[in-house]
Structure formats: structure tokens, C-alpha cells
Amino acid sequence: MKIHCYYSVLLIYLLCPCAARVEIDKITQDLPGCSHWNFDAFSGYIPVDETNQYHYVFLESQNNPVEDPLIIIFSGGPGCSAMNTLFQENGPCTFYGYDTNPVPHDNQYSWNTNASTLYVESPLGVGYNLGYQQEENTDEKSAELHLEFIKQWYQKYPEFKSNDLYLNGESYVGVYVPMLAVSLHQANLTTKSGGFLNLKGIMVGNPMTSWEHDARPAYIEMAYFHGLIPKHLKDSIDQNNCTYRSFNQSPLSKICEENLEKCSKFDENINPLDIYRKFGDGFASPAHFDIPSLYEKSDLDALLGTTYAEYLNREDVMEMLNIPKSKEYFLPCSDVNYTQNEKASFWTYPLIKEYGYKILVYSGDTDGVVPTLGTWKWISDLGWDIKEHQKQWVVDGKVEGFYHQFDGLDFLIFHGAGHLVPIWRKKESHIAVFSWINQRKFP
């Protein structure tokens, strides 16, 4: 029997060179601060063009990797690393909010308890990625390279082709993920369009979607109702028809420019990722919003203000994650060359619905970057029929938030959570996501 098994394994390696490549990517040592993982984990690289490679971390499900779904997780910015999500939000070993501990803690609510999770660092030049030469990133190019990454990754891990697939992420992923879902379908890579990927749906949190509603237009209203700007300033903005769109913005009048400057002064010392938390709670520090393109490694601690960045710059951690020694250091968010598309991603939603994929939009309602109010407005603009409206959902006897079900989209609000929901709501987000995946009602 042992001889038979040996030759079976040898035959697999001879017939499938991908098996050897996967073994090279395997994480074989316990990461500092993390208990021993009883599941297979991999950290490696996928080439996406002639010079650039995207770094990924793949964690097989702790439950049943053969049958459990696969969730591909991206991070926003644009320019922030998916390692932020892995080590601060929904991975098996995470830092907790405003955490000064030098190593992470075990997280019993890791998403890989019930699904295999694939964390992808993108776009070019982000995190541990290799080969970046300041090439221009765009939304269209990102969609193209995400498509290439997925093709190459499934060549490396073909045994997961039949698993249910979900695409996930937060913030600017609200642009990436819906565009990727459309690209996968139109490239005939999904089972619904004649391909092999069993794409089931997308899950996006506090997603940038519509420049008309998201970001500052929604933040000004939110800031007023949370008492962050005074009534006379809000009245002046309204009376002078001041709008502050990111694209297609008409030149501002003098009074609108002055009002915007006053708003900015009231914003000082407010954490935009969660207006009720201090900087550093959720890796946000002022440096993340004005990151220079180059700075000395010795300045990282002062600029980032977090032990999380220190951890991912440890030589032993980088070695365990199979990061080459040529990679000098890791940044949670990088100042990459990126041109945003003025269309954003609102246009993709009717297509995703038409193609037959599920949609979950979730939102922490104390987020000042992509406020819930803006999300409400673009969902309303879809004009889709309401199936259930303003239902409470409860965890441990506490009203966690509200959910709304439309024909083609489920909208879930986390009350008192900010931009990156699983940082502060690990248990609750785990319950919500897997209730949705498994087609159960929210509790």
C-alpha cells in the first residue's frame, strides 16, 4: 500500500507540474503569535504580465475544502494590501483594532472556518507584489490583470474549479469586484457563460460605486447629522448648491470653495474610517492618506503608527510567507500610479443581476470614507423592487443592524461599525456572510 501511494503521488507530480509549484508556496512554519494551523496554507506569486507578479495567500477551509466555497478577497485604496484584510479583519490570526501587541491573536471567526479564502494583493506595486516600475494602473487594467490572475491561479489549483466561488472586498473593491464579475462572465469563464468557474455572487463592503453619491457628497450630510459640522455651514452648502463630486465636478464658486475648506478644518482629528474611533484603530493613521512614494525603511514606524506594519516587515515573517529577500519592505497602503475611471461601477449592477449572480452589499454606518447614506442612494437609483425592508438583525440579544432585500440585491447595515466591518465586528460579520452564502435568513 505504501509503495502504491508513493507512485501515485509521483505520478501526480510528473503529470501536473503545478503540484510542485504549490508545494514551493506552502507555509510550513507557524507564524509568530498564531497557533498551529490544522489546514493547508500557501503564500506565493502569480505572474500577471511580462514583469509584474501579484502576491497571494491561500488558506484552505478548516471544515471541508473539497466542498466548501472559495472566497477570493481583494483590498481597496486603490493601493492598499489584501494583507490588511488577512491580518486585521477575517483571517485566522489577526490584530484587533487599536492593537499595540507585537504579534497577532488567534481569530475564531476567521472566514476560512467555513470556506477556502484567497487573498490577492493588487493593483501593481501594492504590498508584497513584485516587478512594479511605476506603470499606470487603471480600473480597466486592474480588471484585465485580475482576470489574468484568476486564470493562472486555477492552473495552479485546478482542484478548486468546481467549488462555489464568491468575490469579496471592501472600499475601492466596490469598483474592482463588480467589474471582475462582469469580465469573468463576458470572457466565458463561468458556468453560466460556458466556462468552468462556478461563480455564485459578489460581496462588497462599504463599496465605492457611484461618484455622484459616494465619498464626500455623502460624507457632508453624514457629518452634519453626526454633529461634526455646524448647521450654518450645512445651510450655506445647501443654499449655494455646493456639490463636491470626484468626477465631472463643475468649477467651484468662491463660497463653495470656502465651505469645503471649513469642512476640512472640522474634519481634523476625525478618523475617516470610523468617525467615533481614534486614528490607529483599524490601521488608519494620517500617513495613510498622504503616503509619499519613497521613504526610508527606518521611518516606517513613525509614518504608519502601528505594530501591524512592523510585524509584516519582520524578516522571519516574510521568510515564512515565502517573500523573496529582494523585497525590501511592506506597506499597508502604497502610493501607486493609479487613474480612476469616472464611470466607477454602478453600471455593472444591472448586468450582474441579468447574468444571474447574487449580490450582497454590506455597510458599516459610522464610515466617513464611503458612508452608508451614499450606498443607500445608488441602490435606490437601481430602481429594483423591494422584497423586505428595514428588518432588524440581532446577535447575542443586541440589534446589530438592519437588512433590506431587493429583487437582485441584499443590503446589510452594521450599526456602529466603520469602513472595514470585520475589524470591529468579527463574529457578527462571520455570521452574516455565511448566513447569506448558505441562503439562511439573517438572525
Protein backbone atom coordinates (compact mmCIF):
# COMPACT_ATOMS: atom_id res chain seq x y z
CA MET A 1 0.00 0.00 0.00
CA LYS A 2 2.81 2.44 0.86
CA ILE A 3 4.54 1.70 -2.45
CA HIS A 4 1.26 2.25 -4.32
CA CYS A 5 0.72 5.61 -2.58
CA TYR A 6 4.28 6.68 -3.32
CA TYR A 7 3.93 6.01 -7.04
CA SER A 8 0.50 7.69 -7.10
CA VAL A 9 1.96 10.86 -5.65
CA LEU A 10 4.94 10.67 -8.01
CA LEU A 11 2.61 10.27 -10.99
CA ILE A 12 0.64 13.37 -9.94
CA TYR A 13 3.84 15.41 -9.79
CA LEU A 14 5.00 14.16 -13.19
CA LEU A 15 1.67 14.81 -14.88
CA CYS A 16 0.96 18.11 -13.09
CA PRO A 17 3.94 20.43 -12.62
CA CYS A 18 1.54 22.75 -10.79
CA ALA A 19 1.68 20.40 -7.79
CA ALA A 20 5.39 21.07 -7.34
CA ARG A 21 4.85 24.80 -7.63
CA VAL A 22 2.13 24.66 -4.99
CA GLU A 23 4.44 22.81 -2.60
CA ILE A 24 7.02 25.59 -3.01
CA ASP A 25 4.35 28.11 -1.93
CA LYS A 26 3.26 26.15 1.13
CA ILE A 27 3.51 27.87 4.52
CA THR A 28 5.40 25.31 6.59
CA GLN A 29 6.10 27.19 9.82
CA ASP A 30 3.77 28.65 12.45
CA LEU A 31 3.59 32.42 12.15
CA PRO A 32 4.57 34.34 15.32
CA GLY A 33 1.54 34.81 17.56
CA CYS A 34 -0.54 32.23 15.66
CA SER A 35 -1.43 28.78 16.91
CA HIS A 36 -0.55 25.83 14.71
CA TRP A 37 -2.86 25.78 11.69
CA ASN A 38 -4.59 22.46 11.06
CA PHE A 39 -5.25 23.37 7.43
CA ASP A 40 -3.03 23.83 4.41
CA ALA A 41 -1.92 27.40 3.70
CA PHE A 42 0.05 28.83 0.80
CA SER A 43 1.80 32.13 0.06
CA GLY A 44 3.28 32.77 -3.35
CA TYR A 45 3.22 34.68 -6.61
CA ILE A 46 1.27 34.64 -9.87
CA PRO A 47 2.65 36.48 -12.94
CA VAL A 48 0.08 38.86 -14.41
CA ASP A 49 2.14 40.37 -17.21
CA GLU A 50 5.71 40.21 -18.52
CA THR A 51 7.27 41.87 -15.46
CA ASN A 52 4.74 42.00 -12.61
CA GLN A 53 3.69 39.36 -10.12
CA TYR A 54 0.74 39.51 -7.72
CA HIS A 55 1.32 38.06 -4.28
CA TYR A 56 -1.41 35.85 -2.83
CA VAL A 57 -2.14 33.94 0.37
CA PHE A 58 -4.45 30.94 0.05
CA LEU A 59 -5.98 29.27 3.10
CA GLU A 60 -7.86 26.03 2.65
CA SER A 61 -11.11 25.67 4.58
CA GLN A 62 -10.81 24.33 8.11
CA ASN A 63 -14.05 22.45 7.52
CA ASN A 64 -14.22 20.71 4.13
CA PRO A 65 -12.02 22.24 1.40
CA VAL A 66 -13.34 19.79 -1.19
CA GLU A 67 -16.93 21.02 -0.91
CA ASP A 68 -16.81 24.41 0.87
CA PRO A 69 -16.95 27.58 -1.23
CA LEU A 70 -13.93 29.60 -2.28
CA ILE A 71 -13.92 33.33 -1.46
CA ILE A 72 -11.45 35.50 -3.40
CA ILE A 73 -10.69 38.62 -1.35
CA PHE A 74 -9.26 41.87 -2.67
CA SER A 75 -8.46 45.12 -0.86
CA GLY A 76 -9.23 48.70 -1.79
CA GLY A 77 -7.45 52.03 -1.81
CA PRO A 78 -6.70 51.87 -4.63
CA GLY A 79 -3.26 50.91 -3.36
CA CYS A 80 -3.96 49.05 -0.11
CA SER A 81 -2.89 45.48 0.51
CA ALA A 82 -5.09 42.41 0.97
CA MET A 83 -2.71 41.52 3.81
CA ASN A 84 -4.62 44.23 5.72
CA THR A 85 -7.75 42.10 5.39
CA LEU A 86 -5.96 38.85 6.21
CA PHE A 87 -4.13 40.09 9.32
CA GLN A 88 -6.63 42.64 10.62
CA GLU A 89 -10.09 41.54 9.55
CA ASN A 90 -11.10 37.99 8.71
CA GLY A 91 -8.00 35.80 8.73
CA PRO A 92 -7.25 33.05 11.27
CA CYS A 93 -4.70 35.19 13.11
CA THR A 94 -5.32 38.95 13.37
CA PHE A 95 -4.55 42.16 15.16
CA TYR A 96 -7.60 43.65 16.91
CA GLY A 97 -8.47 47.25 16.13
CA TYR A 98 -6.20 49.60 18.07
CA ASP A 99 -3.68 46.85 18.85
CA THR A 100 -0.20 47.56 20.25
CA ASN A 101 0.63 43.89 20.70
CA PRO A 102 3.73 42.99 18.63
CA VAL A 103 2.10 39.83 17.26
CA PRO A 104 -1.47 38.98 16.16
CA HIS A 105 -4.01 36.86 18.04
CA ASP A 106 -5.96 33.77 17.01
CA ASN A 107 -9.33 34.64 15.47
CA GLN A 108 -12.02 32.01 15.94
CA TYR A 109 -14.21 33.86 13.44
CA SER A 110 -11.84 33.50 10.53
CA TRP A 111 -13.72 33.21 7.25
CA ASN A 112 -11.72 30.09 6.41
CA THR A 113 -13.59 28.21 9.15
CA ASN A 114 -16.28 27.54 6.54
CA ALA A 115 -14.70 28.49 3.21
CA SER A 116 -11.34 28.46 1.49
CA THR A 117 -10.07 32.03 1.25
CA LEU A 118 -7.73 33.51 -1.35
CA TYR A 119 -6.24 36.94 -0.55
CA VAL A 120 -4.92 38.77 -3.64
CA GLU A 121 -2.63 41.80 -3.48
CA SER A 122 -3.48 44.26 -6.24
CA PRO A 123 -3.09 46.50 -8.21
CA LEU A 124 0.50 46.67 -9.46
CA GLY A 125 3.00 47.85 -6.86
CA VAL A 126 0.95 47.04 -3.77
CA GLY A 127 2.15 45.26 -0.63
CA TYR A 128 4.48 42.33 -1.32
CA ASN A 129 3.90 42.47 -5.10
CA LEU A 130 6.97 42.28 -7.35
CA GLY A 131 8.15 43.92 -10.55
CA TYR A 132 6.46 47.32 -10.37
CA GLN A 133 8.12 50.07 -12.44
CA GLN A 134 5.58 52.85 -11.84
CA GLU A 135 3.38 51.68 -14.71
CA GLU A 136 -0.04 53.32 -14.76
CA ASN A 137 -2.85 51.40 -13.09
CA THR A 138 -6.44 51.99 -14.22
CA ASP A 139 -9.77 50.37 -13.39
CA GLU A 140 -9.81 48.68 -16.81
CA LYS A 141 -6.23 47.43 -16.47
CA SER A 142 -6.95 46.16 -12.96
CA ALA A 143 -9.94 44.19 -14.27
CA GLU A 144 -7.76 42.76 -17.03
CA LEU A 145 -4.98 41.72 -14.62
CA HIS A 146 -7.45 40.30 -12.08
CA LEU A 147 -8.80 38.14 -14.89
CA GLU A 148 -5.29 37.00 -15.78
CA PHE A 149 -4.51 36.27 -12.14
CA ILE A 150 -7.58 34.06 -11.78
CA LYS A 151 -6.77 32.12 -14.96
CA GLN A 152 -3.23 31.47 -13.76
CA TRP A 153 -4.26 30.68 -10.19
CA TYR A 154 -6.73 28.00 -11.27
CA GLN A 155 -4.00 26.41 -13.37
CA LYS A 156 -2.03 26.11 -10.15
CA TYR A 157 -5.02 24.89 -8.10
CA PRO A 158 -7.29 23.12 -10.61
CA GLU A 159 -8.96 21.01 -7.91
CA PHE A 160 -10.96 24.09 -6.82
CA LYS A 161 -12.58 24.74 -10.20
CA SER A 162 -15.85 23.10 -9.17
CA ASN A 163 -16.20 24.87 -5.80
CA ASP A 164 -18.77 27.63 -5.45
CA LEU A 165 -16.95 30.93 -5.97
CA TYR A 166 -17.60 34.32 -4.37
CA LEU A 167 -15.73 37.60 -4.93
CA ASN A 168 -15.26 39.87 -1.93
CA GLY A 169 -13.67 43.04 -0.69
CA GLU A 170 -14.29 46.50 0.72
CA SER A 171 -13.89 50.15 -0.20
CA TYR A 172 -12.43 50.63 -3.71
CA VAL A 173 -13.07 46.94 -4.26
CA GLY A 174 -16.57 48.26 -4.94
CA VAL A 175 -15.08 49.10 -8.35
CA TYR A 176 -12.77 46.09 -8.76
CA VAL A 177 -15.11 43.23 -7.84
CA PRO A 178 -18.26 44.08 -9.85
CA MET A 179 -16.08 44.78 -12.91
CA LEU A 180 -14.31 41.44 -12.38
CA ALA A 181 -17.63 39.59 -12.13
CA VAL A 182 -18.71 41.10 -15.45
CA SER A 183 -15.32 40.29 -17.01
CA LEU A 184 -15.44 36.66 -15.86
CA HIS A 185 -18.89 36.23 -17.37
CA GLN A 186 -18.14 38.01 -20.63
CA ALA A 187 -14.89 36.05 -21.03
CA ASN A 188 -17.00 32.87 -20.86
CA LEU A 189 -15.13 31.63 -17.80
CA THR A 190 -18.16 30.95 -15.58
CA THR A 191 -20.56 28.03 -15.72
CA LYS A 192 -23.38 30.44 -16.53
CA SER A 193 -21.47 31.68 -19.59
CA GLY A 194 -19.98 28.40 -20.81
CA GLY A 195 -16.83 28.18 -18.67
CA PHE A 196 -15.58 26.25 -15.65
CA LEU A 197 -15.80 28.71 -12.73
CA ASN A 198 -18.82 28.18 -10.51
CA LEU A 199 -19.25 31.88 -9.73
CA LYS A 200 -22.21 32.37 -7.40
CA GLY A 201 -22.02 36.04 -6.48
CA ILE A 202 -20.23 39.05 -5.08
CA MET A 203 -19.99 40.50 -1.56
CA VAL A 204 -18.81 44.11 -1.23
CA GLY A 205 -18.45 46.17 1.93
CA ASN A 206 -18.76 49.97 2.09
CA PRO A 207 -18.14 49.85 -1.66
CA MET A 208 -17.12 52.80 -3.80
CA THR A 209 -19.69 52.57 -6.58
CA SER A 210 -21.05 55.94 -7.69
CA TRP A 211 -19.06 59.18 -7.79
CA GLU A 212 -22.34 61.07 -7.72
CA HIS A 213 -23.29 59.74 -4.29
CA ASP A 214 -20.26 58.12 -2.62
CA ALA A 215 -17.39 59.70 -0.70
CA ARG A 216 -17.59 63.44 0.04
CA PRO A 217 -21.15 64.10 -1.24
CA ALA A 218 -22.46 61.56 1.27
CA TYR A 219 -19.95 62.48 3.96
CA ILE A 220 -21.11 66.11 4.23
CA GLU A 221 -24.68 65.04 5.00
CA MET A 222 -23.41 62.34 7.35
CA ALA A 223 -21.08 64.78 9.13
CA TYR A 224 -23.93 67.23 9.72
CA PHE A 225 -26.28 64.63 11.17
CA HIS A 226 -23.50 63.32 13.45
CA GLY A 227 -22.74 66.83 14.70
CA LEU A 228 -19.32 67.10 13.03
CA ILE A 229 -20.12 70.28 11.11
CA PRO A 230 -22.39 73.12 12.30
CA LYS A 231 -25.83 73.86 10.91
CA HIS A 232 -24.88 77.25 9.46
CA LEU A 233 -22.16 75.60 7.35
CA LYS A 234 -24.52 72.89 6.10
CA ASP A 235 -27.14 75.56 5.32
CA SER A 236 -24.59 77.54 3.31
CA ILE A 237 -23.60 74.41 1.34
CA ASP A 238 -27.24 73.71 0.52
CA GLN A 239 -28.27 77.30 -0.23
CA ASN A 240 -25.35 77.77 -2.62
CA ASN A 241 -25.91 74.40 -4.34
CA CYS A 242 -22.38 73.30 -3.50
CA THR A 243 -21.58 69.84 -4.85
CA TYR A 244 -18.27 68.06 -4.35
CA ARG A 245 -18.15 65.20 -6.82
CA SER A 246 -14.86 63.44 -7.54
CA PHE A 247 -15.56 63.45 -11.30
CA ASN A 248 -17.42 65.78 -13.64
CA GLN A 249 -17.42 68.45 -10.96
CA SER A 250 -18.21 71.94 -12.22
CA PRO A 251 -15.74 74.64 -11.12
CA LEU A 252 -16.50 75.62 -7.55
CA SER A 253 -17.73 79.09 -6.71
CA LYS A 254 -15.76 81.06 -4.15
CA ILE A 255 -18.31 80.39 -1.41
CA CYS A 256 -18.30 76.64 -2.18
CA GLU A 257 -14.51 76.55 -2.00
CA GLU A 258 -14.64 78.36 1.34
CA ASN A 259 -17.28 75.95 2.64
CA LEU A 260 -15.17 72.97 1.61
CA GLU A 261 -12.16 74.42 3.39
CA LYS A 262 -14.24 74.92 6.54
CA CYS A 263 -15.45 71.31 6.34
CA SER A 264 -11.85 70.16 6.12
CA LYS A 265 -10.96 72.05 9.27
CA PHE A 266 -13.84 70.42 11.15
CA ASP A 267 -12.56 67.05 9.85
CA GLU A 268 -9.25 67.45 11.67
CA ASN A 269 -8.59 64.67 14.19
CA ILE A 270 -11.58 62.68 12.90
CA ASN A 271 -10.75 59.13 11.82
CA PRO A 272 -12.41 58.88 8.39
CA LEU A 273 -12.58 55.08 8.59
CA ASP A 274 -14.77 55.33 11.69
CA ILE A 275 -15.83 58.74 12.91
CA TYR A 276 -16.13 57.53 16.54
CA ARG A 277 -12.70 55.89 16.77
CA LYS A 278 -9.26 57.40 17.12
CA PHE A 279 -6.55 57.21 14.50
CA GLY A 280 -4.72 53.91 14.66
CA ASP A 281 -7.88 51.92 15.42
CA GLY A 282 -8.17 49.96 12.21
CA PHE A 283 -4.65 50.76 10.92
CA ALA A 284 -5.72 54.27 9.92
CA SER A 285 -3.23 56.97 10.67
CA PRO A 286 -2.78 60.35 8.98
CA ALA A 287 0.10 58.83 6.98
CA HIS A 288 -2.27 56.52 5.15
CA PHE A 289 -3.94 59.44 3.45
CA ASP A 290 -0.77 61.21 2.32
CA ILE A 291 1.77 58.46 1.65
CA PRO A 292 5.00 59.54 -0.09
CA SER A 293 6.16 57.37 -2.96
CA LEU A 294 9.52 56.66 -1.36
CA TYR A 295 10.77 56.75 2.19
CA GLU A 296 13.37 55.08 4.30
CA LYS A 297 12.53 51.80 5.99
CA SER A 298 13.62 53.33 9.30
CA ASP A 299 10.77 55.82 9.03
CA LEU A 300 8.04 53.20 8.77
CA ASP A 301 7.19 53.10 12.47
CA ALA A 302 6.67 56.85 12.74
CA LEU A 303 4.73 57.08 9.48
CA LEU A 304 2.43 54.15 9.99
CA GLY A 305 1.98 54.29 13.74
CA THR A 306 1.11 50.60 14.02
CA THR A 307 2.72 47.37 15.12
CA TYR A 308 0.91 45.64 12.25
CA ALA A 309 3.32 47.09 9.67
CA GLU A 310 6.27 46.20 11.88
CA TYR A 311 5.06 42.60 12.03
CA LEU A 312 4.81 42.21 8.26
CA ASN A 313 8.29 43.72 7.88
CA ARG A 314 9.88 41.16 10.21
CA GLU A 315 12.43 39.08 8.32
CA ASP A 316 11.18 35.83 9.86
CA VAL A 317 7.54 36.60 8.94
CA MET A 318 8.49 37.49 5.36
CA GLU A 319 10.51 34.29 5.09
CA MET A 320 7.60 32.20 6.40
CA LEU A 321 5.34 33.85 3.80
CA ASN A 322 7.85 32.96 1.05
CA ILE A 323 8.59 36.61 0.29
CA PRO A 324 11.93 36.95 -1.55
CA LYS A 325 14.71 38.77 0.23
CA SER A 326 14.86 41.23 -2.68
CA LYS A 327 11.56 42.70 -1.39
CA GLU A 328 12.80 45.40 0.96
CA TYR A 329 9.69 46.15 2.99
CA PHE A 330 5.92 46.02 3.18
CA LEU A 331 3.49 48.96 3.25
CA PRO A 332 -0.20 48.57 4.17
CA CYS A 333 -1.04 51.17 1.52
CA SER A 334 1.24 52.30 -1.31
CA ASP A 335 1.33 55.42 -3.43
CA VAL A 336 0.93 53.65 -6.76
CA ASN A 337 0.34 55.34 -10.10
CA TYR A 338 -3.44 54.96 -10.46
CA THR A 339 -6.01 56.65 -12.71
CA GLN A 340 -9.60 56.11 -11.63
CA ASN A 341 -12.44 55.61 -14.09
CA GLU A 342 -15.13 58.27 -13.93
CA LYS A 343 -17.76 55.57 -14.58
CA ALA A 344 -16.98 53.80 -11.27
CA SER A 345 -19.08 50.58 -11.11
CA PHE A 346 -22.76 51.48 -10.82
CA TRP A 347 -23.20 50.42 -14.46
CA THR A 348 -22.20 46.82 -13.66
CA TYR A 349 -25.07 46.00 -11.30
CA PRO A 350 -27.86 45.58 -13.88
CA LEU A 351 -25.50 43.28 -15.81
CA ILE A 352 -24.62 41.18 -12.76
CA LYS A 353 -28.31 40.78 -11.98
CA GLU A 354 -29.09 39.93 -15.61
CA TYR A 355 -26.33 37.30 -15.64
CA GLY A 356 -27.91 35.62 -12.60
CA TYR A 357 -25.33 36.21 -9.82
CA LYS A 358 -26.16 37.03 -6.20
CA ILE A 359 -25.19 40.41 -4.73
CA LEU A 360 -24.54 41.27 -1.08
CA VAL A 361 -23.73 44.87 -0.16
CA TYR A 362 -22.84 45.47 3.48
CA SER A 363 -22.05 48.76 5.16
CA GLY A 364 -20.73 49.94 8.49
CA ASP A 365 -22.78 53.06 9.28
CA THR A 366 -20.04 55.08 11.04
CA ASP A 367 -17.78 55.06 7.97
CA GLY A 368 -16.81 58.51 6.74
CA VAL A 369 -14.97 57.31 3.61
CA VAL A 370 -17.86 55.56 1.85
CA PRO A 371 -20.83 56.44 4.06
CA THR A 372 -23.93 54.27 4.23
CA LEU A 373 -26.03 57.21 3.03
CA GLY A 374 -24.31 57.25 -0.36
CA THR A 375 -24.75 53.49 -0.70
CA TRP A 376 -28.46 53.90 0.04
CA LYS A 377 -28.75 56.47 -2.74
CA TRP A 378 -27.16 54.46 -5.52
CA ILE A 379 -29.08 51.33 -4.53
CA SER A 380 -32.26 53.41 -4.75
CA ASP A 381 -31.17 54.61 -8.20
CA LEU A 382 -31.19 50.98 -9.40
CA GLY A 383 -34.97 51.07 -9.03
CA TRP A 384 -35.21 47.39 -8.12
CA ASP A 385 -38.31 46.08 -6.37
CA ILE A 386 -38.21 45.75 -2.58
CA LYS A 387 -38.82 42.28 -1.14
CA GLU A 388 -38.14 43.02 2.56
CA HIS A 389 -37.41 46.41 4.03
CA GLN A 390 -35.79 47.61 7.28
CA LYS A 391 -35.66 44.35 9.22
CA GLN A 392 -33.61 44.20 12.39
CA TRP A 393 -30.95 41.56 12.74
CA VAL A 394 -29.77 40.58 16.20
CA VAL A 395 -26.65 38.92 17.63
CA ASP A 396 -26.36 37.97 21.32
CA GLY A 397 -29.51 39.93 22.15
CA LYS A 398 -28.22 43.17 20.58
CA VAL A 399 -29.59 44.81 17.46
CA GLU A 400 -26.57 44.56 15.20
CA GLY A 401 -28.13 46.44 12.32
CA PHE A 402 -30.74 46.26 9.61
CA TYR A 403 -31.16 44.39 6.35
CA HIS A 404 -33.05 45.19 3.21
CA GLN A 405 -33.76 42.72 0.42
CA PHE A 406 -34.30 43.92 -3.12
CA ASP A 407 -35.01 41.92 -6.25
CA GLY A 408 -31.39 41.07 -7.08
CA LEU A 409 -29.53 42.58 -4.12
CA ASP A 410 -29.31 42.18 -0.34
CA PHE A 411 -28.25 45.26 1.64
CA LEU A 412 -26.97 44.72 5.18
CA ILE A 413 -26.15 47.56 7.60
CA PHE A 414 -23.81 47.09 10.58
CA HIS A 415 -24.73 49.65 13.23
CA GLY A 416 -21.72 51.29 14.88
CA ALA A 417 -19.10 49.76 12.59
CA GLY A 418 -16.86 51.73 10.27
CA HIS A 419 -15.27 51.32 6.86
CA LEU A 420 -13.72 47.89 7.46
CA VAL A 421 -16.51 45.98 9.17
CA PRO A 422 -14.68 42.76 10.19
CA ILE A 423 -12.02 44.72 12.09
CA TRP A 424 -14.61 45.61 14.72
CA ARG A 425 -17.34 43.01 14.03
CA LYS A 426 -15.53 39.71 13.57
CA LYS A 427 -18.21 37.43 14.98
CA GLU A 428 -21.14 39.37 13.55
CA SER A 429 -19.67 39.66 10.04
CA HIS A 430 -18.87 35.94 10.05
CA ILE A 431 -22.47 35.11 10.98
CA ALA A 432 -23.86 37.50 8.36
CA VAL A 433 -21.65 36.39 5.47
CA PHE A 434 -22.22 32.68 5.94
CA SER A 435 -25.93 33.14 6.58
CA TRP A 436 -26.08 34.82 3.18
CA ILE A 437 -23.86 32.28 1.41
CA ASN A 438 -25.88 29.39 2.84
CA GLN A 439 -29.19 31.11 1.97
CA ARG A 440 -30.29 31.37 5.57
CA LYS A 441 -32.10 34.37 6.98
CA PHE A 442 -30.05 36.91 8.88
CA PRO A 443 -30.51 36.24 12.62
